[in-house]
Amino acid sequence: MNWTSIIGKEYAERCHVSSLKKINHKNVLTVYCSDASLFELSYSTLEIKEKINGFFLRNVVDIIKFKKLLQT
């Protein structure tokens, strides 16, 4: 998947895809982000979902969940 072209270089450096799972007949994409990016990207959920599904030319993602990236 071309993650950088979907969410942009700035966000691609601070966020990464964790998993894509089917939960209750819905494809759920889990994305981990730094604190600063978490809220910004959550407002673009619909746009990101449309870009991902457009990239694959089919409905791959139904729901996107953003989670805080824990630093160790």
N, C-alpha and C. Protein backbone atom coordinates (compact mmCIF):
# COMPACT_ATOMS: atom_id res chain seq x y z
N MET A 1 0.85 -1.18 0.00
CA MET A 1 0.00 0.00 0.00
C MET A 1 0.89 1.24 0.00
N ASN A 2 0.53 2.22 -0.76
CA ASN A 2 1.31 3.44 -0.84
C ASN A 2 0.84 4.44 0.21
N TRP A 3 1.24 4.19 1.44
CA TRP A 3 0.77 4.94 2.60
C TRP A 3 1.10 6.42 2.51
N THR A 4 2.30 6.75 2.05
CA THR A 4 2.74 8.15 1.97
C THR A 4 1.85 8.96 1.04
N SER A 5 1.47 8.41 -0.10
CA SER A 5 0.62 9.17 -1.03
C SER A 5 -0.81 9.30 -0.51
N ILE A 6 -1.22 8.40 0.35
CA ILE A 6 -2.59 8.44 0.88
C ILE A 6 -2.72 9.48 1.98
N ILE A 7 -1.81 9.52 2.94
CA ILE A 7 -1.96 10.46 4.05
C ILE A 7 -0.96 11.62 4.02
N GLY A 8 -0.01 11.59 3.12
CA GLY A 8 0.96 12.67 3.02
C GLY A 8 2.25 12.33 3.76
N LYS A 9 3.34 12.90 3.29
CA LYS A 9 4.67 12.60 3.85
C LYS A 9 4.78 12.96 5.32
N GLU A 10 4.24 14.12 5.68
CA GLU A 10 4.33 14.60 7.07
C GLU A 10 3.71 13.59 8.05
N TYR A 11 2.51 13.11 7.72
CA TYR A 11 1.82 12.17 8.61
C TYR A 11 2.40 10.75 8.49
N ALA A 12 2.84 10.37 7.32
CA ALA A 12 3.37 9.02 7.12
C ALA A 12 4.60 8.77 8.00
N GLU A 13 5.34 9.83 8.31
CA GLU A 13 6.52 9.69 9.16
C GLU A 13 6.15 9.49 10.62
N ARG A 14 4.95 9.93 11.02
CA ARG A 14 4.53 9.85 12.42
C ARG A 14 3.43 8.82 12.69
N CYS A 15 2.92 8.19 11.65
CA CYS A 15 1.82 7.23 11.81
C CYS A 15 2.12 5.97 11.01
N HIS A 16 1.65 4.85 11.52
CA HIS A 16 1.80 3.61 10.76
C HIS A 16 0.59 2.70 10.98
N VAL A 17 0.35 1.88 9.97
CA VAL A 17 -0.77 0.94 10.01
C VAL A 17 -0.38 -0.23 10.89
N SER A 18 -1.26 -0.58 11.80
CA SER A 18 -1.01 -1.70 12.69
C SER A 18 -1.68 -2.97 12.18
N SER A 19 -2.96 -2.85 11.79
CA SER A 19 -3.67 -4.05 11.35
C SER A 19 -4.90 -3.70 10.52
N LEU A 20 -5.37 -4.69 9.79
CA LEU A 20 -6.63 -4.61 9.06
C LEU A 20 -7.36 -5.90 9.39
N LYS A 21 -8.45 -5.78 10.15
CA LYS A 21 -9.18 -6.95 10.63
C LYS A 21 -10.65 -6.82 10.30
N LYS A 22 -11.31 -7.95 10.17
CA LYS A 22 -12.76 -7.98 9.98
C LYS A 22 -13.40 -8.16 11.35
N ILE A 23 -14.19 -7.16 11.75
CA ILE A 23 -14.88 -7.18 13.04
C ILE A 23 -16.35 -6.87 12.77
N ASN A 24 -17.23 -7.79 13.15
CA ASN A 24 -18.67 -7.62 12.92
C ASN A 24 -18.99 -7.30 11.47
N HIS A 25 -18.38 -8.04 10.56
CA HIS A 25 -18.60 -7.89 9.12
C HIS A 25 -18.14 -6.56 8.56
N LYS A 26 -17.26 -5.85 9.28
CA LYS A 26 -16.69 -4.58 8.83
C LYS A 26 -15.18 -4.71 8.82
N ASN A 27 -14.53 -4.14 7.81
CA ASN A 27 -13.07 -4.13 7.74
C ASN A 27 -12.57 -2.92 8.52
N VAL A 28 -11.83 -3.19 9.60
CA VAL A 28 -11.37 -2.15 10.51
C VAL A 28 -9.85 -1.99 10.37
N LEU A 29 -9.42 -0.80 9.98
CA LEU A 29 -8.01 -0.47 9.86
C LEU A 29 -7.58 0.24 11.13
N THR A 30 -6.53 -0.25 11.79
CA THR A 30 -6.01 0.38 13.00
C THR A 30 -4.71 1.09 12.66
N VAL A 31 -4.65 2.38 13.00
CA VAL A 31 -3.49 3.20 12.71
C VAL A 31 -2.97 3.79 14.01
N TYR A 32 -1.66 3.63 14.26
CA TYR A 32 -1.03 4.22 15.44
C TYR A 32 -0.36 5.52 15.04
N CYS A 33 -0.58 6.57 15.86
CA CYS A 33 -0.05 7.91 15.58
C CYS A 33 0.52 8.53 16.84
N SER A 34 1.39 9.51 16.63
CA SER A 34 1.87 10.32 17.76
C SER A 34 0.73 11.20 18.23
N ASP A 35 0.85 11.74 19.43
CA ASP A 35 -0.20 12.60 20.00
C ASP A 35 -0.61 13.74 19.06
N ALA A 36 0.37 14.42 18.49
CA ALA A 36 0.09 15.59 17.67
C ALA A 36 -0.72 15.24 16.43
N SER A 37 -0.48 14.09 15.85
CA SER A 37 -1.14 13.70 14.61
C SER A 37 -2.49 13.05 14.84
N LEU A 38 -2.72 12.54 16.00
CA LEU A 38 -3.91 11.75 16.28
C LEU A 38 -5.20 12.52 15.98
N PHE A 39 -5.36 13.69 16.55
CA PHE A 39 -6.59 14.46 16.36
C PHE A 39 -6.69 15.03 14.96
N GLU A 40 -5.56 15.46 14.41
CA GLU A 40 -5.57 16.01 13.06
C GLU A 40 -6.06 14.98 12.05
N LEU A 41 -5.54 13.78 12.14
CA LEU A 41 -5.93 12.73 11.19
C LEU A 41 -7.35 12.23 11.43
N SER A 42 -7.79 12.24 12.67
CA SER A 42 -9.14 11.74 12.95
C SER A 42 -10.20 12.57 12.23
N TYR A 43 -9.92 13.85 11.98
CA TYR A 43 -10.85 14.69 11.24
C TYR A 43 -10.87 14.37 9.75
N SER A 44 -9.85 13.67 9.27
CA SER A 44 -9.75 13.32 7.85
C SER A 44 -10.09 11.85 7.60
N THR A 45 -10.75 11.22 8.53
CA THR A 45 -11.04 9.79 8.43
C THR A 45 -11.75 9.43 7.13
N LEU A 46 -12.79 10.16 6.78
CA LEU A 46 -13.56 9.85 5.58
C LEU A 46 -12.71 10.00 4.33
N GLU A 47 -11.92 11.05 4.27
CA GLU A 47 -11.05 11.29 3.12
C GLU A 47 -9.99 10.18 2.99
N ILE A 48 -9.39 9.78 4.10
CA ILE A 48 -8.38 8.72 4.09
C ILE A 48 -9.01 7.40 3.65
N LYS A 49 -10.18 7.10 4.17
CA LYS A 49 -10.88 5.87 3.80
C LYS A 49 -11.18 5.85 2.30
N GLU A 50 -11.63 6.96 1.74
CA GLU A 50 -11.92 7.05 0.31
C GLU A 50 -10.66 6.87 -0.53
N LYS A 51 -9.54 7.44 -0.08
CA LYS A 51 -8.27 7.30 -0.81
C LYS A 51 -7.79 5.85 -0.80
N ILE A 52 -7.89 5.18 0.34
CA ILE A 52 -7.46 3.78 0.44
C ILE A 52 -8.33 2.91 -0.47
N ASN A 53 -9.65 3.06 -0.37
CA ASN A 53 -10.56 2.27 -1.19
C ASN A 53 -10.38 2.58 -2.67
N GLY A 54 -10.09 3.84 -3.01
CA GLY A 54 -9.82 4.21 -4.39
C GLY A 54 -8.53 3.61 -4.90
N PHE A 55 -7.53 3.51 -4.04
CA PHE A 55 -6.25 2.93 -4.41
C PHE A 55 -6.43 1.46 -4.80
N PHE A 56 -7.25 0.74 -4.05
CA PHE A 56 -7.47 -0.68 -4.32
C PHE A 56 -8.65 -0.93 -5.27
N LEU A 57 -9.36 0.12 -5.65
CA LEU A 57 -10.51 0.04 -6.55
C LEU A 57 -11.62 -0.87 -6.03
N ARG A 58 -11.70 -0.97 -4.71
CA ARG A 58 -12.78 -1.73 -4.07
C ARG A 58 -12.86 -1.32 -2.61
N ASN A 59 -13.92 -1.75 -1.94
CA ASN A 59 -14.13 -1.39 -0.54
C ASN A 59 -13.26 -2.28 0.36
N VAL A 60 -12.10 -1.77 0.74
CA VAL A 60 -11.15 -2.50 1.58
C VAL A 60 -11.31 -2.11 3.04
N VAL A 61 -11.61 -0.83 3.29
CA VAL A 61 -11.70 -0.30 4.65
C VAL A 61 -13.09 0.28 4.88
N ASP A 62 -13.74 -0.16 5.97
CA ASP A 62 -15.03 0.40 6.37
C ASP A 62 -14.87 1.40 7.51
N ILE A 63 -13.97 1.09 8.44
CA ILE A 63 -13.77 1.90 9.65
C ILE A 63 -12.27 2.08 9.87
N ILE A 64 -11.90 3.29 10.27
CA ILE A 64 -10.49 3.54 10.66
C ILE A 64 -10.47 3.92 12.12
N LYS A 65 -9.65 3.22 12.89
CA LYS A 65 -9.46 3.53 14.31
C LYS A 65 -8.04 4.08 14.48
N PHE A 66 -7.96 5.24 15.10
CA PHE A 66 -6.66 5.84 15.39
C PHE A 66 -6.34 5.62 16.85
N LYS A 67 -5.12 5.16 17.12
CA LYS A 67 -4.69 4.92 18.49
C LYS A 67 -3.38 5.65 18.75
N LYS A 68 -3.18 6.01 20.00
CA LYS A 68 -1.98 6.73 20.41
C LYS A 68 -0.78 5.79 20.39
N LEU A 69 0.29 6.25 19.76
CA LEU A 69 1.54 5.51 19.72
C LEU A 69 2.25 5.66 21.04
N LEU A 70 2.52 4.57 21.71
CA LEU A 70 3.21 4.61 23.00
C LEU A 70 4.71 4.53 22.78
N GLN A 71 5.41 5.50 23.29
CA GLN A 71 6.88 5.53 23.21
C GLN A 71 7.47 4.79 24.39
N THR A 72 8.52 4.02 24.16
CA THR A 72 9.17 3.31 25.25
C THR A 72 10.52 3.89 25.52
